[in-house]
Amino acid sequence: MANELADMIVPMLREIRSDIADIKQQLHKLDTGQKSIRNALTADTMMSKFITGDFEDRIAELESQVEALMKGK
């Protein structure tokens, strides 16, 4: 009877190992996807900051030009 149990348990353990390997592959794919999304969000944030900074620089330049025109009148 003990031999019969071993004959049942060993194949189950092999199947479990196979399933665990599949799950690890799926988790790796999910991790890779999350990293890609994080990188995209970081790039979007950096681009937004760059655009905002550029816009603020242009506004400051226009304000100085308006101030110079007002002083000239």
PDB file of N, CA and C in Angstrom:
ATOM      1  N   MET A   1       0.814  -1.189   0.000  1.00  0.00           N
ATOM      2  CA  MET A   1       0.000   0.000   0.000  1.00  0.00           C
ATOM      3  C   MET A   1       0.865   1.264   0.000  1.00  0.00           C
ATOM      4  N   ALA A   2       1.951   1.233   0.737  1.00  0.00           N
ATOM      5  CA  ALA A   2       2.846   2.388   0.772  1.00  0.00           C
ATOM      6  C   ALA A   2       3.423   2.656  -0.609  1.00  0.00           C
ATOM      7  N   ASN A   3       3.694   1.589  -1.343  1.00  0.00           N
ATOM      8  CA  ASN A   3       4.228   1.727  -2.692  1.00  0.00           C
ATOM      9  C   ASN A   3       3.190   2.372  -3.609  1.00  0.00           C
ATOM     10  N   GLU A   4       1.915   2.023  -3.404  1.00  0.00           N
ATOM     11  CA  GLU A   4       0.844   2.611  -4.213  1.00  0.00           C
ATOM     12  C   GLU A   4       0.732   4.108  -3.944  1.00  0.00           C
ATOM     13  N   LEU A   5       0.861   4.495  -2.677  1.00  0.00           N
ATOM     14  CA  LEU A   5       0.816   5.918  -2.334  1.00  0.00           C
ATOM     15  C   LEU A   5       1.979   6.670  -2.968  1.00  0.00           C
ATOM     16  N   ALA A   6       3.154   6.088  -2.933  1.00  0.00           N
ATOM     17  CA  ALA A   6       4.317   6.720  -3.557  1.00  0.00           C
ATOM     18  C   ALA A   6       4.106   6.857  -5.055  1.00  0.00           C
ATOM     19  N   ASP A   7       3.476   5.853  -5.659  1.00  0.00           N
ATOM     20  CA  ASP A   7       3.202   5.916  -7.095  1.00  0.00           C
ATOM     21  C   ASP A   7       2.192   7.017  -7.419  1.00  0.00           C
ATOM     22  N   MET A   8       1.364   7.375  -6.466  1.00  0.00           N
ATOM     23  CA  MET A   8       0.395   8.452  -6.686  1.00  0.00           C
ATOM     24  C   MET A   8       1.007   9.821  -6.389  1.00  0.00           C
ATOM     25  N   ILE A   9       1.831   9.872  -5.354  1.00  0.00           N
ATOM     26  CA  ILE A   9       2.366  11.155  -4.901  1.00  0.00           C
ATOM     27  C   ILE A   9       3.427  11.700  -5.851  1.00  0.00           C
ATOM     28  N   VAL A  10       4.309  10.854  -6.323  1.00  0.00           N
ATOM     29  CA  VAL A  10       5.399  11.314  -7.193  1.00  0.00           C
ATOM     30  C   VAL A  10       4.861  11.978  -8.465  1.00  0.00           C
ATOM     31  N   PRO A  11       3.896  11.382  -9.174  1.00  0.00           N
ATOM     32  CA  PRO A  11       3.359  12.076 -10.354  1.00  0.00           C
ATOM     33  C   PRO A  11       2.663  13.392 -10.002  1.00  0.00           C
ATOM     34  N   MET A  12       1.996  13.414  -8.835  1.00  0.00           N
ATOM     35  CA  MET A  12       1.351  14.660  -8.414  1.00  0.00           C
ATOM     36  C   MET A  12       2.385  15.751  -8.159  1.00  0.00           C
ATOM     37  N   LEU A  13       3.488  15.384  -7.526  1.00  0.00           N
ATOM     38  CA  LEU A  13       4.547  16.361  -7.275  1.00  0.00           C
ATOM     39  C   LEU A  13       5.146  16.882  -8.580  1.00  0.00           C
ATOM     40  N   ARG A  14       5.322  16.009  -9.545  1.00  0.00           N
ATOM     41  CA  ARG A  14       5.840  16.436 -10.853  1.00  0.00           C
ATOM     42  C   ARG A  14       4.868  17.412 -11.514  1.00  0.00           C
ATOM     43  N   GLU A  15       3.590  17.104 -11.408  1.00  0.00           N
ATOM     44  CA  GLU A  15       2.576  17.978 -12.000  1.00  0.00           C
ATOM     45  C   GLU A  15       2.564  19.336 -11.296  1.00  0.00           C
ATOM     46  N   ILE A  16       2.695  19.311  -9.980  1.00  0.00           N
ATOM     47  CA  ILE A  16       2.730  20.563  -9.218  1.00  0.00           C
ATOM     48  C   ILE A  16       3.952  21.388  -9.613  1.00  0.00           C
ATOM     49  N   ARG A  17       5.099  20.752  -9.761  1.00  0.00           N
ATOM     50  CA  ARG A  17       6.311  21.470 -10.181  1.00  0.00           C
ATOM     51  C   ARG A  17       6.121  22.097 -11.554  1.00  0.00           C
ATOM     52  N   SER A  18       5.489  21.366 -12.439  1.00  0.00           N
ATOM     53  CA  SER A  18       5.223  21.886 -13.778  1.00  0.00           C
ATOM     54  C   SER A  18       4.293  23.097 -13.705  1.00  0.00           C
ATOM     55  N   ASP A  19       3.258  22.991 -12.879  1.00  0.00           N
ATOM     56  CA  ASP A  19       2.329  24.108 -12.720  1.00  0.00           C
ATOM     57  C   ASP A  19       3.021  25.324 -12.111  1.00  0.00           C
ATOM     58  N   ILE A  20       3.884  25.087 -11.139  1.00  0.00           N
ATOM     59  CA  ILE A  20       4.620  26.187 -10.515  1.00  0.00           C
ATOM     60  C   ILE A  20       5.532  26.865 -11.535  1.00  0.00           C
ATOM     61  N   ALA A  21       6.160  26.090 -12.390  1.00  0.00           N
ATOM     62  CA  ALA A  21       7.018  26.666 -13.435  1.00  0.00           C
ATOM     63  C   ALA A  21       6.189  27.535 -14.379  1.00  0.00           C
ATOM     64  N   ASP A  22       4.990  27.075 -14.737  1.00  0.00           N
ATOM     65  CA  ASP A  22       4.105  27.867 -15.597  1.00  0.00           C
ATOM     66  C   ASP A  22       3.697  29.169 -14.912  1.00  0.00           C
ATOM     67  N   ILE A  23       3.387  29.080 -13.639  1.00  0.00           N
ATOM     68  CA  ILE A  23       2.989  30.273 -12.888  1.00  0.00           C
ATOM     69  C   ILE A  23       4.147  31.260 -12.807  1.00  0.00           C
ATOM     70  N   LYS A  24       5.361  30.760 -12.602  1.00  0.00           N
ATOM     71  CA  LYS A  24       6.531  31.644 -12.550  1.00  0.00           C
ATOM     72  C   LYS A  24       6.723  32.374 -13.874  1.00  0.00           C
ATOM     73  N   GLN A  25       6.501  31.666 -14.986  1.00  0.00           N
ATOM     74  CA  GLN A  25       6.626  32.306 -16.300  1.00  0.00           C
ATOM     75  C   GLN A  25       5.575  33.396 -16.459  1.00  0.00           C
ATOM     76  N   GLN A  26       4.356  33.121 -16.020  1.00  0.00           N
ATOM     77  CA  GLN A  26       3.295  34.119 -16.118  1.00  0.00           C
ATOM     78  C   GLN A  26       3.612  35.334 -15.251  1.00  0.00           C
ATOM     79  N   LEU A  27       4.118  35.099 -14.052  1.00  0.00           N
ATOM     80  CA  LEU A  27       4.492  36.208 -13.176  1.00  0.00           C
ATOM     81  C   LEU A  27       5.621  37.034 -13.780  1.00  0.00           C
ATOM     82  N   HIS A  28       6.560  36.368 -14.422  1.00  0.00           N
ATOM     83  CA  HIS A  28       7.655  37.090 -15.077  1.00  0.00           C
ATOM     84  C   HIS A  28       7.105  37.992 -16.184  1.00  0.00           C
ATOM     85  N   LYS A  29       6.160  37.473 -16.964  1.00  0.00           N
ATOM     86  CA  LYS A  29       5.550  38.287 -18.019  1.00  0.00           C
ATOM     87  C   LYS A  29       4.820  39.486 -17.421  1.00  0.00           C
ATOM     88  N   LEU A  30       4.104  39.269 -16.315  1.00  0.00           N
ATOM     89  CA  LEU A  30       3.405  40.372 -15.662  1.00  0.00           C
ATOM     90  C   LEU A  30       4.385  41.410 -15.130  1.00  0.00           C
ATOM     91  N   ASP A  31       5.464  40.956 -14.520  1.00  0.00           N
ATOM     92  CA  ASP A  31       6.480  41.880 -14.013  1.00  0.00           C
ATOM     93  C   ASP A  31       7.089  42.699 -15.140  1.00  0.00           C
ATOM     94  N   THR A  32       7.369  42.048 -16.256  1.00  0.00           N
ATOM     95  CA  THR A  32       7.926  42.751 -17.409  1.00  0.00           C
ATOM     96  C   THR A  32       6.946  43.805 -17.917  1.00  0.00           C
ATOM     97  N   GLY A  33       5.677  43.451 -17.986  1.00  0.00           N
ATOM     98  CA  GLY A  33       4.657  44.405 -18.421  1.00  0.00           C
ATOM     99  C   GLY A  33       4.534  45.580 -17.471  1.00  0.00           C
ATOM    100  N   GLN A  34       4.585  45.317 -16.180  1.00  0.00           N
ATOM    101  CA  GLN A  34       4.504  46.393 -15.195  1.00  0.00           C
ATOM    102  C   GLN A  34       5.707  47.325 -15.296  1.00  0.00           C
ATOM    103  N   LYS A  35       6.878  46.766 -15.510  1.00  0.00           N
ATOM    104  CA  LYS A  35       8.069  47.603 -15.668  1.00  0.00           C
ATOM    105  C   LYS A  35       7.924  48.499 -16.887  1.00  0.00           C
ATOM    106  N   SER A  36       7.378  47.941 -17.960  1.00  0.00           N
ATOM    107  CA  SER A  36       7.176  48.716 -19.178  1.00  0.00           C
ATOM    108  C   SER A  36       6.199  49.866 -18.928  1.00  0.00           C
ATOM    109  N   ILE A  37       5.128  49.576 -18.203  1.00  0.00           N
ATOM    110  CA  ILE A  37       4.144  50.619 -17.896  1.00  0.00           C
ATOM    111  C   ILE A  37       4.761  51.680 -16.993  1.00  0.00           C
ATOM    112  N   ARG A  38       5.532  51.256 -15.990  1.00  0.00           N
ATOM    113  CA  ARG A  38       6.192  52.221 -15.098  1.00  0.00           C
ATOM    114  C   ARG A  38       7.141  53.119 -15.881  1.00  0.00           C
ATOM    115  N   ASN A  39       7.891  52.526 -16.798  1.00  0.00           N
ATOM    116  CA  ASN A  39       8.820  53.320 -17.615  1.00  0.00           C
ATOM    117  C   ASN A  39       8.057  54.319 -18.473  1.00  0.00           C
ATOM    118  N   ALA A  40       6.926  53.898 -19.028  1.00  0.00           N
ATOM    119  CA  ALA A  40       6.123  54.801 -19.853  1.00  0.00           C
ATOM    120  C   ALA A  40       5.571  55.947 -19.008  1.00  0.00           C
ATOM    121  N   LEU A  41       5.102  55.644 -17.801  1.00  0.00           N
ATOM    122  CA  LEU A  41       4.587  56.696 -16.923  1.00  0.00           C
ATOM    123  C   LEU A  41       5.686  57.671 -16.522  1.00  0.00           C
ATOM    124  N   THR A  42       6.864  57.149 -16.253  1.00  0.00           N
ATOM    125  CA  THR A  42       7.990  58.012 -15.899  1.00  0.00           C
ATOM    126  C   THR A  42       8.348  58.918 -17.071  1.00  0.00           C
ATOM    127  N   ALA A  43       8.375  58.358 -18.254  1.00  0.00           N
ATOM    128  CA  ALA A  43       8.690  59.156 -19.445  1.00  0.00           C
ATOM    129  C   ALA A  43       7.627  60.225 -19.663  1.00  0.00           C
ATOM    130  N   ASP A  44       6.354  59.874 -19.448  1.00  0.00           N
ATOM    131  CA  ASP A  44       5.269  60.838 -19.614  1.00  0.00           C
ATOM    132  C   ASP A  44       5.399  61.965 -18.596  1.00  0.00           C
ATOM    133  N   THR A  45       5.719  61.614 -17.366  1.00  0.00           N
ATOM    134  CA  THR A  45       5.894  62.624 -16.323  1.00  0.00           C
ATOM    135  C   THR A  45       7.062  63.543 -16.650  1.00  0.00           C
ATOM    136  N   MET A  46       8.162  62.962 -17.102  1.00  0.00           N
ATOM    137  CA  MET A  46       9.324  63.774 -17.451  1.00  0.00           C
ATOM    138  C   MET A  46       9.005  64.699 -18.618  1.00  0.00           C
ATOM    139  N   MET A  47       8.276  64.191 -19.603  1.00  0.00           N
ATOM    140  CA  MET A  47       7.913  65.011 -20.757  1.00  0.00           C
ATOM    141  C   MET A  47       6.986  66.145 -20.326  1.00  0.00           C
ATOM    142  N   SER A  48       6.048  65.848 -19.437  1.00  0.00           N
ATOM    143  CA  SER A  48       5.143  66.885 -18.938  1.00  0.00           C
ATOM    144  C   SER A  48       5.916  67.975 -18.211  1.00  0.00           C
ATOM    145  N   LYS A  49       6.884  67.571 -17.388  1.00  0.00           N
ATOM    146  CA  LYS A  49       7.695  68.559 -16.672  1.00  0.00           C
ATOM    147  C   LYS A  49       8.515  69.394 -17.642  1.00  0.00           C
ATOM    148  N   PHE A  50       9.038  68.762 -18.674  1.00  0.00           N
ATOM    149  CA  PHE A  50       9.826  69.485 -19.672  1.00  0.00           C
ATOM    150  C   PHE A  50       8.956  70.505 -20.396  1.00  0.00           C
ATOM    151  N   ILE A  51       7.764  70.075 -20.811  1.00  0.00           N
ATOM    152  CA  ILE A  51       6.862  70.974 -21.538  1.00  0.00           C
ATOM    153  C   ILE A  51       6.417  72.116 -20.639  1.00  0.00           C
ATOM    154  N   THR A  52       6.073  71.788 -19.384  1.00  0.00           N
ATOM    155  CA  THR A  52       5.658  72.823 -18.444  1.00  0.00           C
ATOM    156  C   THR A  52       6.788  73.814 -18.203  1.00  0.00           C
ATOM    157  N   GLY A  53       7.995  73.310 -18.027  1.00  0.00           N
ATOM    158  CA  GLY A  53       9.143  74.188 -17.817  1.00  0.00           C
ATOM    159  C   GLY A  53       9.390  75.075 -19.017  1.00  0.00           C
ATOM    160  N   ASP A  54       9.276  74.517 -20.215  1.00  0.00           N
ATOM    161  CA  ASP A  54       9.465  75.289 -21.441  1.00  0.00           C
ATOM    162  C   ASP A  54       8.390  76.361 -21.547  1.00  0.00           C
ATOM    163  N   PHE A  55       7.153  76.014 -21.218  1.00  0.00           N
ATOM    164  CA  PHE A  55       6.047  76.964 -21.268  1.00  0.00           C
ATOM    165  C   PHE A  55       6.276  78.097 -20.274  1.00  0.00           C
ATOM    166  N   GLU A  56       6.723  77.748 -19.067  1.00  0.00           N
ATOM    167  CA  GLU A  56       6.982  78.771 -18.055  1.00  0.00           C
ATOM    168  C   GLU A  56       8.107  79.703 -18.492  1.00  0.00           C
ATOM    169  N   ASP A  57       9.118  79.162 -19.149  1.00  0.00           N
ATOM    170  CA  ASP A  57      10.207  80.001 -19.659  1.00  0.00           C
ATOM    171  C   ASP A  57       9.683  80.980 -20.703  1.00  0.00           C
ATOM    172  N   ARG A  58       8.821  80.514 -21.576  1.00  0.00           N
ATOM    173  CA  ARG A  58       8.259  81.394 -22.613  1.00  0.00           C
ATOM    174  C   ARG A  58       7.384  82.480 -21.991  1.00  0.00           C
ATOM    175  N   ILE A  59       6.586  82.099 -20.991  1.00  0.00           N
ATOM    176  CA  ILE A  59       5.738  83.082 -20.311  1.00  0.00           C
ATOM    177  C   ILE A  59       6.609  84.146 -19.642  1.00  0.00           C
ATOM    178  N   ALA A  60       7.670  83.714 -18.977  1.00  0.00           N
ATOM    179  CA  ALA A  60       8.568  84.667 -18.313  1.00  0.00           C
ATOM    180  C   ALA A  60       9.187  85.615 -19.336  1.00  0.00           C
ATOM    181  N   GLU A  61       9.563  85.094 -20.479  1.00  0.00           N
ATOM    182  CA  GLU A  61      10.144  85.941 -21.531  1.00  0.00           C
ATOM    183  C   GLU A  61       9.116  86.945 -22.045  1.00  0.00           C
ATOM    184  N   LEU A  62       7.884  86.493 -22.264  1.00  0.00           N
ATOM    185  CA  LEU A  62       6.828  87.403 -22.719  1.00  0.00           C
ATOM    186  C   LEU A  62       6.526  88.468 -21.664  1.00  0.00           C
ATOM    187  N   GLU A  63       6.511  88.069 -20.404  1.00  0.00           N
ATOM    188  CA  GLU A  63       6.265  89.041 -19.333  1.00  0.00           C
ATOM    189  C   GLU A  63       7.348  90.106 -19.304  1.00  0.00           C
ATOM    190  N   SER A  64       8.591  89.693 -19.502  1.00  0.00           N
ATOM    191  CA  SER A  64       9.679  90.685 -19.502  1.00  0.00           C
ATOM    192  C   SER A  64       9.561  91.615 -20.708  1.00  0.00           C
ATOM    193  N   GLN A  65       9.120  91.095 -21.849  1.00  0.00           N
ATOM    194  CA  GLN A  65       8.940  91.941 -23.034  1.00  0.00           C
ATOM    195  C   GLN A  65       7.795  92.927 -22.821  1.00  0.00           C
ATOM    196  N   VAL A  66       6.699  92.463 -22.216  1.00  0.00           N
ATOM    197  CA  VAL A  66       5.568  93.356 -21.932  1.00  0.00           C
ATOM    198  C   VAL A  66       5.994  94.432 -20.942  1.00  0.00           C
ATOM    199  N   GLU A  67       6.756  94.046 -19.935  1.00  0.00           N
ATOM    200  CA  GLU A  67       7.242  95.009 -18.947  1.00  0.00           C
ATOM    201  C   GLU A  67       8.139  96.050 -19.616  1.00  0.00           C
ATOM    202  N   ALA A  68       8.995  95.601 -20.533  1.00  0.00           N
ATOM    203  CA  ALA A  68       9.873  96.537 -21.249  1.00  0.00           C
ATOM    204  C   ALA A  68       9.053  97.486 -22.111  1.00  0.00           C
ATOM    205  N   LEU A  69       8.007  96.992 -22.749  1.00  0.00           N
ATOM    206  CA  LEU A  69       7.148  97.855 -23.564  1.00  0.00           C
ATOM    207  C   LEU A  69       6.411  98.873 -22.699  1.00  0.00           C
ATOM    208  N   MET A  70       5.963  98.432 -21.533  1.00  0.00           N
ATOM    209  CA  MET A  70       5.230  99.351 -20.653  1.00  0.00           C
ATOM    210  C   MET A  70       6.152 100.438 -20.104  1.00  0.00           C
ATOM    211  N   LYS A  71       7.399 100.108 -19.856  1.00  0.00           N
ATOM    212  CA  LYS A  71       8.356 101.103 -19.379  1.00  0.00           C
ATOM    213  C   LYS A  71       8.675 102.106 -20.481  1.00  0.00           C
ATOM    214  N   GLY A  72       8.634 101.639 -21.724  1.00  0.00           N
ATOM    215  CA  GLY A  72       8.955 102.497 -22.860  1.00  0.00           C
ATOM    216  C   GLY A  72       7.862 103.508 -23.147  1.00  0.00           C
ATOM    217  N   LYS A  73       6.639 103.264 -22.731  1.00  0.00           N
ATOM    218  CA  LYS A  73       5.536 104.192 -23.018  1.00  0.00           C
ATOM    219  C   LYS A  73       5.438 105.268 -22.023  1.00  0.00           C
TER     220      LYS A  73
END
